[in-house]
């Protein structure tokens, strides 16, 4: 597949944008993931999640009792954030006509294990201080890079989604 330029990207997205203007309901997309575990599965507390390149076994982070053999769900969350931010940044840079020779991206956050372990009710459960850093090899000036950062933050679906609480529903299997 060849790299898109701004004209090709606009041509690719134009019919979608028009359809969504004409029929806003068609823009609502359901996304999902599936996972499973069974009594006797290997791993202290693990859940196998279907990933794009195959199953991923997630387990406890070492700070909460895991042995480090399984993927940590917080790391998976940061990987999803980084993937979305990277794709969004690349799309926005393309739309802006910015030439990016290469990029190195990193996502970080912190969590206090006392919250998820129930050590202290005063400690919130969850990650905080999400940050994505993108180091670009580009000739773009500082103003263009600042605009690229603002627009990437604005249009990054996963980044924006982290602002909304998750509802968890538990039901009996049929």
Foldseek 3Di string as FASTA:
>chain_A
DDDDAQVRLCVVCVVVVVVCVVPVVVVDDDDDWDWDDDPPDPFDDWIWIADPVGIFIEDDDVVQPGPPPGHHVVVVLQVLLQVLLVVLLSNVCRNVRWDFPDKDKDKDWDADSCQVNVVDVVGHGDTDDIDMDMDTDGPDDPVVVVVSVVRSCVPRPSNVVVVDDDDDDDDDDD
